[in-house]
Amino acid sequence: MAYVYILYSKYLDSHYIGSCKNLENRLFEHNNGTFENSFTSKAKDWVLLLKIENLGYQQARNVEKHIKRMKSKIFIENIKIYPELIEKLKTRYS
């Protein structure tokens, strides 16, 4: 099982979209600067805005790429408001 997740940093006023197999561990890594030169190492206040679960690993990677290609805070907000968008992404990349 894999996840797609969206984080938000108030300090940076920015979102981060990622995918992983172990969400709890990955969130810990983001907030503790495990990867020193990564984008998320610029802040320590990342909070989980949204998670999409029960995905195959390749499916999760494809959904992540789709959301990143949108380059839109509005799209991210719409995913939170309209759960049917999540289902459409899951189906599209199944």
PDB file of N, CA and C in Angstrom:
ATOM      1  N   MET A   1       0.834  -1.166   0.000  1.00  0.00           N
ATOM      2  CA  MET A   1       0.000   0.000   0.000  1.00  0.00           C
ATOM      3  C   MET A   1       0.890   1.244   0.000  1.00  0.00           C
ATOM      4  N   ALA A   2       0.461   2.259  -0.754  1.00  0.00           N
ATOM      5  CA  ALA A   2       1.197   3.513  -0.837  1.00  0.00           C
ATOM      6  C   ALA A   2       0.241   4.688  -0.635  1.00  0.00           C
ATOM      7  N   TYR A   3       0.820   5.844  -0.396  1.00  0.00           N
ATOM      8  CA  TYR A   3       0.064   7.068  -0.122  1.00  0.00           C
ATOM      9  C   TYR A   3       0.535   8.194  -1.030  1.00  0.00           C
ATOM     10  N   VAL A   4      -0.365   9.106  -1.311  1.00  0.00           N
ATOM     11  CA  VAL A   4      -0.020  10.425  -1.827  1.00  0.00           C
ATOM     12  C   VAL A   4      -0.403  11.368  -0.710  1.00  0.00           C
ATOM     13  N   TYR A   5       0.456  12.339  -0.435  1.00  0.00           N
ATOM     14  CA  TYR A   5       0.171  13.254   0.654  1.00  0.00           C
ATOM     15  C   TYR A   5       0.476  14.684   0.233  1.00  0.00           C
ATOM     16  N   ILE A   6      -0.234  15.605   0.859  1.00  0.00           N
ATOM     17  CA  ILE A   6      -0.007  17.028   0.630  1.00  0.00           C
ATOM     18  C   ILE A   6       0.267  17.663   1.982  1.00  0.00           C
ATOM     19  N   LEU A   7       1.411  18.312   2.069  1.00  0.00           N
ATOM     20  CA  LEU A   7       1.816  19.008   3.282  1.00  0.00           C
ATOM     21  C   LEU A   7       1.692  20.506   3.069  1.00  0.00           C
ATOM     22  N   TYR A   8       1.578  21.239   4.172  1.00  0.00           N
ATOM     23  CA  TYR A   8       1.556  22.697   4.106  1.00  0.00           C
ATOM     24  C   TYR A   8       2.461  23.267   5.183  1.00  0.00           C
ATOM     25  N   SER A   9       3.244  24.276   4.807  1.00  0.00           N
ATOM     26  CA  SER A   9       4.080  25.004   5.750  1.00  0.00           C
ATOM     27  C   SER A   9       3.595  26.437   5.826  1.00  0.00           C
ATOM     28  N   LYS A  10       3.188  26.852   7.010  1.00  0.00           N
ATOM     29  CA  LYS A  10       2.779  28.235   7.215  1.00  0.00           C
ATOM     30  C   LYS A  10       3.991  29.157   7.074  1.00  0.00           C
ATOM     31  N   TYR A  11       5.128  28.720   7.571  1.00  0.00           N
ATOM     32  CA  TYR A  11       6.358  29.506   7.489  1.00  0.00           C
ATOM     33  C   TYR A  11       6.698  29.863   6.044  1.00  0.00           C
ATOM     34  N   LEU A  12       6.605  28.892   5.142  1.00  0.00           N
ATOM     35  CA  LEU A  12       6.903  29.120   3.720  1.00  0.00           C
ATOM     36  C   LEU A  12       5.668  29.526   2.924  1.00  0.00           C
ATOM     37  N   ASP A  13       4.488  29.379   3.520  1.00  0.00           N
ATOM     38  CA  ASP A  13       3.213  29.543   2.815  1.00  0.00           C
ATOM     39  C   ASP A  13       3.249  28.748   1.512  1.00  0.00           C
ATOM     40  N   SER A  14       3.568  27.473   1.667  1.00  0.00           N
ATOM     41  CA  SER A  14       3.767  26.622   0.503  1.00  0.00           C
ATOM     42  C   SER A  14       3.276  25.203   0.777  1.00  0.00           C
ATOM     43  N   HIS A  15       2.916  24.535  -0.318  1.00  0.00           N
ATOM     44  CA  HIS A  15       2.496  23.134  -0.259  1.00  0.00           C
ATOM     45  C   HIS A  15       3.626  22.252  -0.770  1.00  0.00           C
ATOM     46  N   TYR A  16       3.603  21.009  -0.326  1.00  0.00           N
ATOM     47  CA  TYR A  16       4.513  19.987  -0.843  1.00  0.00           C
ATOM     48  C   TYR A  16       3.679  18.747  -1.118  1.00  0.00           C
ATOM     49  N   ILE A  17       3.867  18.168  -2.288  1.00  0.00           N
ATOM     50  CA  ILE A  17       3.149  16.955  -2.675  1.00  0.00           C
ATOM     51  C   ILE A  17       4.155  15.827  -2.790  1.00  0.00           C
ATOM     52  N   GLY A  18       3.846  14.695  -2.193  1.00  0.00           N
ATOM     53  CA  GLY A  18       4.754  13.563  -2.250  1.00  0.00           C
ATOM     54  C   GLY A  18       3.990  12.252  -2.227  1.00  0.00           C
ATOM     55  N   SER A  19       4.749  11.164  -2.379  1.00  0.00           N
ATOM     56  CA  SER A  19       4.179   9.821  -2.271  1.00  0.00           C
ATOM     57  C   SER A  19       5.187   8.944  -1.541  1.00  0.00           C
ATOM     58  N   CYS A  20       4.678   7.921  -0.873  1.00  0.00           N
ATOM     59  CA  CYS A  20       5.544   7.038  -0.097  1.00  0.00           C
ATOM     60  C   CYS A  20       4.787   5.771   0.282  1.00  0.00           C
ATOM     61  N   LYS A  21       5.516   4.853   0.883  1.00  0.00           N
ATOM     62  CA  LYS A  21       4.895   3.630   1.393  1.00  0.00           C
ATOM     63  C   LYS A  21       4.637   3.700   2.893  1.00  0.00           C
ATOM     64  N   ASN A  22       5.443   4.493   3.617  1.00  0.00           N
ATOM     65  CA  ASN A  22       5.290   4.617   5.068  1.00  0.00           C
ATOM     66  C   ASN A  22       5.090   6.089   5.412  1.00  0.00           C
ATOM     67  N   LEU A  23       3.854   6.509   5.504  1.00  0.00           N
ATOM     68  CA  LEU A  23       3.535   7.922   5.673  1.00  0.00           C
ATOM     69  C   LEU A  23       4.036   8.487   6.999  1.00  0.00           C
ATOM     70  N   GLU A  24       3.836   7.771   8.070  1.00  0.00           N
ATOM     71  CA  GLU A  24       4.262   8.263   9.382  1.00  0.00           C
ATOM     72  C   GLU A  24       5.759   8.552   9.410  1.00  0.00           C
ATOM     73  N   ASN A  25       6.549   7.632   8.901  1.00  0.00           N
ATOM     74  CA  ASN A  25       7.997   7.799   8.848  1.00  0.00           C
ATOM     75  C   ASN A  25       8.381   8.960   7.933  1.00  0.00           C
ATOM     76  N   ARG A  26       7.702   9.076   6.802  1.00  0.00           N
ATOM     77  CA  ARG A  26       8.024  10.128   5.837  1.00  0.00           C
ATOM     78  C   ARG A  26       7.727  11.509   6.415  1.00  0.00           C
ATOM     79  N   LEU A  27       6.630  11.657   7.135  1.00  0.00           N
ATOM     80  CA  LEU A  27       6.311  12.935   7.770  1.00  0.00           C
ATOM     81  C   LEU A  27       7.366  13.315   8.799  1.00  0.00           C
ATOM     82  N   PHE A  28       7.820  12.335   9.558  1.00  0.00           N
ATOM     83  CA  PHE A  28       8.902  12.567  10.523  1.00  0.00           C
ATOM     84  C   PHE A  28      10.145  13.080   9.799  1.00  0.00           C
ATOM     85  N   GLU A  29      10.492  12.444   8.678  1.00  0.00           N
ATOM     86  CA  GLU A  29      11.677  12.865   7.911  1.00  0.00           C
ATOM     87  C   GLU A  29      11.538  14.299   7.410  1.00  0.00           C
ATOM     88  N   HIS A  30      10.360  14.670   6.932  1.00  0.00           N
ATOM     89  CA  HIS A  30      10.152  16.035   6.438  1.00  0.00           C
ATOM     90  C   HIS A  30      10.356  17.065   7.543  1.00  0.00           C
ATOM     91  N   ASN A  31       9.819  16.814   8.704  1.00  0.00           N
ATOM     92  CA  ASN A  31       9.872  17.804   9.788  1.00  0.00           C
ATOM     93  C   ASN A  31      11.181  17.807  10.561  1.00  0.00           C
ATOM     94  N   ASN A  32      12.022  16.822  10.343  1.00  0.00           N
ATOM     95  CA  ASN A  32      13.293  16.766  11.059  1.00  0.00           C
ATOM     96  C   ASN A  32      14.499  16.988  10.157  1.00  0.00           C
ATOM     97  N   GLY A  33      14.266  17.402   8.923  1.00  0.00           N
ATOM     98  CA  GLY A  33      15.366  17.735   8.018  1.00  0.00           C
ATOM     99  C   GLY A  33      16.276  16.569   7.688  1.00  0.00           C
ATOM    100  N   THR A  34      15.715  15.384   7.566  1.00  0.00           N
ATOM    101  CA  THR A  34      16.519  14.198   7.262  1.00  0.00           C
ATOM    102  C   THR A  34      17.308  14.382   5.967  1.00  0.00           C
ATOM    103  N   PHE A  35      16.692  15.008   4.992  1.00  0.00           N
ATOM    104  CA  PHE A  35      17.361  15.251   3.707  1.00  0.00           C
ATOM    105  C   PHE A  35      17.715  16.735   3.648  1.00  0.00           C
ATOM    106  N   GLU A  36      18.950  17.064   3.986  1.00  0.00           N
ATOM    107  CA  GLU A  36      19.388  18.437   4.222  1.00  0.00           C
ATOM    108  C   GLU A  36      19.149  19.405   3.067  1.00  0.00           C
ATOM    109  N   ASN A  37      19.281  18.977   1.838  1.00  0.00           N
ATOM    110  CA  ASN A  37      19.156  19.883   0.702  1.00  0.00           C
ATOM    111  C   ASN A  37      17.795  19.806   0.013  1.00  0.00           C
ATOM    112  N   SER A  38      16.853  19.174   0.651  1.00  0.00           N
ATOM    113  CA  SER A  38      15.534  19.033   0.044  1.00  0.00           C
ATOM    114  C   SER A  38      14.703  20.296   0.248  1.00  0.00           C
ATOM    115  N   PHE A  39      13.647  20.432  -0.547  1.00  0.00           N
ATOM    116  CA  PHE A  39      12.758  21.582  -0.419  1.00  0.00           C
ATOM    117  C   PHE A  39      12.154  21.662   0.981  1.00  0.00           C
ATOM    118  N   THR A  40      11.756  20.535   1.528  1.00  0.00           N
ATOM    119  CA  THR A  40      11.069  20.554   2.819  1.00  0.00           C
ATOM    120  C   THR A  40      12.003  20.849   3.985  1.00  0.00           C
ATOM    121  N   SER A  41      13.305  20.792   3.771  1.00  0.00           N
ATOM    122  CA  SER A  41      14.236  21.111   4.861  1.00  0.00           C
ATOM    123  C   SER A  41      14.262  22.601   5.179  1.00  0.00           C
ATOM    124  N   LYS A  42      13.624  23.418   4.342  1.00  0.00           N
ATOM    125  CA  LYS A  42      13.586  24.869   4.553  1.00  0.00           C
ATOM    126  C   LYS A  42      12.631  25.266   5.682  1.00  0.00           C
ATOM    127  N   ALA A  43      11.785  24.347   6.116  1.00  0.00           N
ATOM    128  CA  ALA A  43      10.825  24.633   7.186  1.00  0.00           C
ATOM    129  C   ALA A  43      10.686  23.408   8.083  1.00  0.00           C
ATOM    130  N   LYS A  44      10.242  23.652   9.294  1.00  0.00           N
ATOM    131  CA  LYS A  44      10.053  22.563  10.264  1.00  0.00           C
ATOM    132  C   LYS A  44       8.609  22.489  10.744  1.00  0.00           C
ATOM    133  N   ASP A  45       7.717  23.178  10.045  1.00  0.00           N
ATOM    134  CA  ASP A  45       6.322  23.242  10.501  1.00  0.00           C
ATOM    135  C   ASP A  45       5.352  22.583   9.523  1.00  0.00           C
ATOM    136  N   TRP A  46       5.791  21.565   8.810  1.00  0.00           N
ATOM    137  CA  TRP A  46       4.938  20.894   7.833  1.00  0.00           C
ATOM    138  C   TRP A  46       3.807  20.171   8.535  1.00  0.00           C
ATOM    139  N   VAL A  47       2.586  20.405   8.055  1.00  0.00           N
ATOM    140  CA  VAL A  47       1.417  19.696   8.573  1.00  0.00           C
ATOM    141  C   VAL A  47       0.738  18.966   7.414  1.00  0.00           C
ATOM    142  N   LEU A  48       0.170  17.835   7.739  1.00  0.00           N
ATOM    143  CA  LEU A  48      -0.515  17.024   6.737  1.00  0.00           C
ATOM    144  C   LEU A  48      -1.879  17.630   6.438  1.00  0.00           C
ATOM    145  N   LEU A  49      -2.072  18.063   5.186  1.00  0.00           N
ATOM    146  CA  LEU A  49      -3.362  18.611   4.762  1.00  0.00           C
ATOM    147  C   LEU A  49      -4.275  17.525   4.229  1.00  0.00           C
ATOM    148  N   LEU A  50      -3.675  16.570   3.510  1.00  0.00           N
ATOM    149  CA  LEU A  50      -4.479  15.562   2.832  1.00  0.00           C
ATOM    150  C   LEU A  50      -3.651  14.322   2.582  1.00  0.00           C
ATOM    151  N   LYS A  51      -4.280  13.172   2.726  1.00  0.00           N
ATOM    152  CA  LYS A  51      -3.630  11.929   2.330  1.00  0.00           C
ATOM    153  C   LYS A  51      -4.596  11.128   1.481  1.00  0.00           C
ATOM    154  N   ILE A  52      -4.054  10.503   0.481  1.00  0.00           N
ATOM    155  CA  ILE A  52      -4.808   9.595  -0.375  1.00  0.00           C
ATOM    156  C   ILE A  52      -4.186   8.231  -0.141  1.00  0.00           C
ATOM    157  N   GLU A  53      -4.983   7.306   0.343  1.00  0.00           N
ATOM    158  CA  GLU A  53      -4.433   6.015   0.740  1.00  0.00           C
ATOM    159  C   GLU A  53      -4.978   4.867  -0.094  1.00  0.00           C
ATOM    160  N   ASN A  54      -4.473   3.674   0.202  1.00  0.00           N
ATOM    161  CA  ASN A  54      -4.880   2.447  -0.488  1.00  0.00           C
ATOM    162  C   ASN A  54      -4.567   2.495  -1.978  1.00  0.00           C
ATOM    163  N   LEU A  55      -3.360   2.931  -2.300  1.00  0.00           N
ATOM    164  CA  LEU A  55      -2.903   2.983  -3.687  1.00  0.00           C
ATOM    165  C   LEU A  55      -1.760   2.000  -3.891  1.00  0.00           C
ATOM    166  N   GLY A  56      -1.639   1.505  -5.121  1.00  0.00           N
ATOM    167  CA  GLY A  56      -0.438   0.785  -5.478  1.00  0.00           C
ATOM    168  C   GLY A  56       0.688   1.791  -5.602  1.00  0.00           C
ATOM    169  N   TYR A  57       1.942   1.353  -5.490  1.00  0.00           N
ATOM    170  CA  TYR A  57       3.054   2.298  -5.497  1.00  0.00           C
ATOM    171  C   TYR A  57       3.121   3.102  -6.795  1.00  0.00           C
ATOM    172  N   GLN A  58       3.023   2.443  -7.944  1.00  0.00           N
ATOM    173  CA  GLN A  58       3.087   3.173  -9.218  1.00  0.00           C
ATOM    174  C   GLN A  58       1.880   4.079  -9.398  1.00  0.00           C
ATOM    175  N   GLN A  59       0.740   3.629  -8.928  1.00  0.00           N
ATOM    176  CA  GLN A  59      -0.467   4.456  -8.975  1.00  0.00           C
ATOM    177  C   GLN A  59      -0.257   5.732  -8.149  1.00  0.00           C
ATOM    178  N   ALA A  60       0.324   5.583  -6.962  1.00  0.00           N
ATOM    179  CA  ALA A  60       0.592   6.740  -6.108  1.00  0.00           C
ATOM    180  C   ALA A  60       1.550   7.715  -6.786  1.00  0.00           C
ATOM    181  N   ARG A  61       2.580   7.193  -7.422  1.00  0.00           N
ATOM    182  CA  ARG A  61       3.545   8.064  -8.121  1.00  0.00           C
ATOM    183  C   ARG A  61       2.856   8.839  -9.239  1.00  0.00           C
ATOM    184  N   ASN A  62       1.960   8.169  -9.964  1.00  0.00           N
ATOM    185  CA  ASN A  62       1.263   8.831 -11.067  1.00  0.00           C
ATOM    186  C   ASN A  62       0.286   9.896 -10.567  1.00  0.00           C
ATOM    187  N   VAL A  63      -0.412   9.614  -9.491  1.00  0.00           N
ATOM    188  CA  VAL A  63      -1.325  10.609  -8.915  1.00  0.00           C
ATOM    189  C   VAL A  63      -0.519  11.807  -8.411  1.00  0.00           C
ATOM    190  N   GLU A  64       0.597  11.543  -7.754  1.00  0.00           N
ATOM    191  CA  GLU A  64       1.480  12.624  -7.283  1.00  0.00           C
ATOM    192  C   GLU A  64       1.916  13.512  -8.450  1.00  0.00           C
ATOM    193  N   LYS A  65       2.375  12.905  -9.526  1.00  0.00           N
ATOM    194  CA  LYS A  65       2.819  13.668 -10.694  1.00  0.00           C
ATOM    195  C   LYS A  65       1.689  14.500 -11.280  1.00  0.00           C
ATOM    196  N   HIS A  66       0.497  13.932 -11.323  1.00  0.00           N
ATOM    197  CA  HIS A  66      -0.657  14.653 -11.858  1.00  0.00           C
ATOM    198  C   HIS A  66      -0.929  15.919 -11.033  1.00  0.00           C
ATOM    199  N   ILE A  67      -0.953  15.773  -9.722  1.00  0.00           N
ATOM    200  CA  ILE A  67      -1.220  16.924  -8.851  1.00  0.00           C
ATOM    201  C   ILE A  67      -0.117  17.965  -9.014  1.00  0.00           C
ATOM    202  N   LYS A  68       1.130  17.531  -9.086  1.00  0.00           N
ATOM    203  CA  LYS A  68       2.240  18.475  -9.260  1.00  0.00           C
ATOM    204  C   LYS A  68       2.149  19.207 -10.593  1.00  0.00           C
ATOM    205  N   ARG A  69       1.741  18.511 -11.644  1.00  0.00           N
ATOM    206  CA  ARG A  69       1.620  19.143 -12.966  1.00  0.00           C
ATOM    207  C   ARG A  69       0.566  20.246 -12.976  1.00  0.00           C
ATOM    208  N   MET A  70      -0.417  20.138 -12.109  1.00  0.00           N
ATOM    209  CA  MET A  70      -1.472  21.145 -12.050  1.00  0.00           C
ATOM    210  C   MET A  70      -0.930  22.492 -11.557  1.00  0.00           C
ATOM    211  N   LYS A  71       0.095  22.467 -10.716  1.00  0.00           N
ATOM    212  CA  LYS A  71       0.733  23.684 -10.188  1.00  0.00           C
ATOM    213  C   LYS A  71      -0.299  24.702  -9.719  1.00  0.00           C
ATOM    214  N   SER A  72      -1.222  24.240  -8.898  1.00  0.00           N
ATOM    215  CA  SER A  72      -2.339  25.102  -8.526  1.00  0.00           C
ATOM    216  C   SER A  72      -2.764  24.893  -7.076  1.00  0.00           C
ATOM    217  N   LYS A  73      -2.719  25.961  -6.297  1.00  0.00           N
ATOM    218  CA  LYS A  73      -3.242  25.902  -4.931  1.00  0.00           C
ATOM    219  C   LYS A  73      -4.744  25.682  -4.958  1.00  0.00           C
ATOM    220  N   ILE A  74      -5.399  26.221  -5.971  1.00  0.00           N
ATOM    221  CA  ILE A  74      -6.851  26.045  -6.102  1.00  0.00           C
ATOM    222  C   ILE A  74      -7.184  24.568  -6.317  1.00  0.00           C
ATOM    223  N   PHE A  75      -6.402  23.884  -7.149  1.00  0.00           N
ATOM    224  CA  PHE A  75      -6.632  22.451  -7.368  1.00  0.00           C
ATOM    225  C   PHE A  75      -6.464  21.685  -6.060  1.00  0.00           C
ATOM    226  N   ILE A  76      -5.448  22.025  -5.285  1.00  0.00           N
ATOM    227  CA  ILE A  76      -5.227  21.367  -3.999  1.00  0.00           C
ATOM    228  C   ILE A  76      -6.414  21.611  -3.071  1.00  0.00           C
ATOM    229  N   GLU A  77      -6.901  22.836  -3.017  1.00  0.00           N
ATOM    230  CA  GLU A  77      -8.065  23.135  -2.185  1.00  0.00           C
ATOM    231  C   GLU A  77      -9.296  22.363  -2.674  1.00  0.00           C
ATOM    232  N   ASN A  78      -9.451  22.255  -3.985  1.00  0.00           N
ATOM    233  CA  ASN A  78     -10.601  21.523  -4.534  1.00  0.00           C
ATOM    234  C   ASN A  78     -10.539  20.037  -4.211  1.00  0.00           C
ATOM    235  N   ILE A  79      -9.353  19.470  -4.193  1.00  0.00           N
ATOM    236  CA  ILE A  79      -9.213  18.054  -3.817  1.00  0.00           C
ATOM    237  C   ILE A  79      -9.711  17.850  -2.386  1.00  0.00           C
ATOM    238  N   LYS A  80      -9.412  18.799  -1.515  1.00  0.00           N
ATOM    239  CA  LYS A  80      -9.878  18.701  -0.123  1.00  0.00           C
ATOM    240  C   LYS A  80     -11.389  18.836  -0.025  1.00  0.00           C
ATOM    241  N   ILE A  81     -11.973  19.704  -0.823  1.00  0.00           N
ATOM    242  CA  ILE A  81     -13.408  19.985  -0.750  1.00  0.00           C
ATOM    243  C   ILE A  81     -14.244  18.923  -1.445  1.00  0.00           C
ATOM    244  N   TYR A  82     -13.748  18.425  -2.582  1.00  0.00           N
ATOM    245  CA  TYR A  82     -14.519  17.494  -3.415  1.00  0.00           C
ATOM    246  C   TYR A  82     -13.833  16.131  -3.477  1.00  0.00           C
ATOM    247  N   PRO A  83     -14.199  15.207  -2.582  1.00  0.00           N
ATOM    248  CA  PRO A  83     -13.555  13.890  -2.556  1.00  0.00           C
ATOM    249  C   PRO A  83     -13.714  13.106  -3.857  1.00  0.00           C
ATOM    250  N   GLU A  84     -14.711  13.452  -4.679  1.00  0.00           N
ATOM    251  CA  GLU A  84     -14.868  12.741  -5.949  1.00  0.00           C
ATOM    252  C   GLU A  84     -13.670  12.974  -6.875  1.00  0.00           C
ATOM    253  N   LEU A  85     -12.956  14.072  -6.698  1.00  0.00           N
ATOM    254  CA  LEU A  85     -11.735  14.306  -7.489  1.00  0.00           C
ATOM    255  C   LEU A  85     -10.674  13.265  -7.160  1.00  0.00           C
ATOM    256  N   ILE A  86     -10.586  12.902  -5.892  1.00  0.00           N
ATOM    257  CA  ILE A  86      -9.640  11.862  -5.487  1.00  0.00           C
ATOM    258  C   ILE A  86     -10.008  10.544  -6.153  1.00  0.00           C
ATOM    259  N   GLU A  87     -11.282  10.215  -6.143  1.00  0.00           N
ATOM    260  CA  GLU A  87     -11.718   8.963  -6.764  1.00  0.00           C
ATOM    261  C   GLU A  87     -11.438   8.962  -8.267  1.00  0.00           C
ATOM    262  N   LYS A  88     -11.619  10.097  -8.915  1.00  0.00           N
ATOM    263  CA  LYS A  88     -11.325  10.188 -10.350  1.00  0.00           C
ATOM    264  C   LYS A  88      -9.846   9.976 -10.621  1.00  0.00           C
ATOM    265  N   LEU A  89      -8.982  10.547  -9.769  1.00  0.00           N
ATOM    266  CA  LEU A  89      -7.537  10.339  -9.937  1.00  0.00           C
ATOM    267  C   LEU A  89      -7.163   8.891  -9.701  1.00  0.00           C
ATOM    268  N   LYS A  90      -7.745   8.277  -8.673  1.00  0.00           N
ATOM    269  CA  LYS A  90      -7.457   6.872  -8.392  1.00  0.00           C
ATOM    270  C   LYS A  90      -7.855   5.999  -9.586  1.00  0.00           C
ATOM    271  N   THR A  91      -9.019   6.260 -10.131  1.00  0.00           N
ATOM    272  CA  THR A  91      -9.496   5.470 -11.271  1.00  0.00           C
ATOM    273  C   THR A  91      -8.636   5.715 -12.495  1.00  0.00           C
ATOM    274  N   ARG A  92      -8.326   6.958 -12.772  1.00  0.00           N
ATOM    275  CA  ARG A  92      -7.527   7.295 -13.947  1.00  0.00           C
ATOM    276  C   ARG A  92      -6.186   6.590 -13.948  1.00  0.00           C
ATOM    277  N   TYR A  93      -5.569   6.459 -12.783  1.00  0.00           N
ATOM    278  CA  TYR A  93      -4.228   5.887 -12.709  1.00  0.00           C
ATOM    279  C   TYR A  93      -4.213   4.481 -12.116  1.00  0.00           C
ATOM    280  N   SER A  94      -5.337   3.795 -12.160  1.00  0.00           N
ATOM    281  CA  SER A  94      -5.357   2.422 -11.626  1.00  0.00           C
ATOM    282  C   SER A  94      -4.783   1.436 -12.625  1.00  0.00           C
TER     283      SER A  94
END
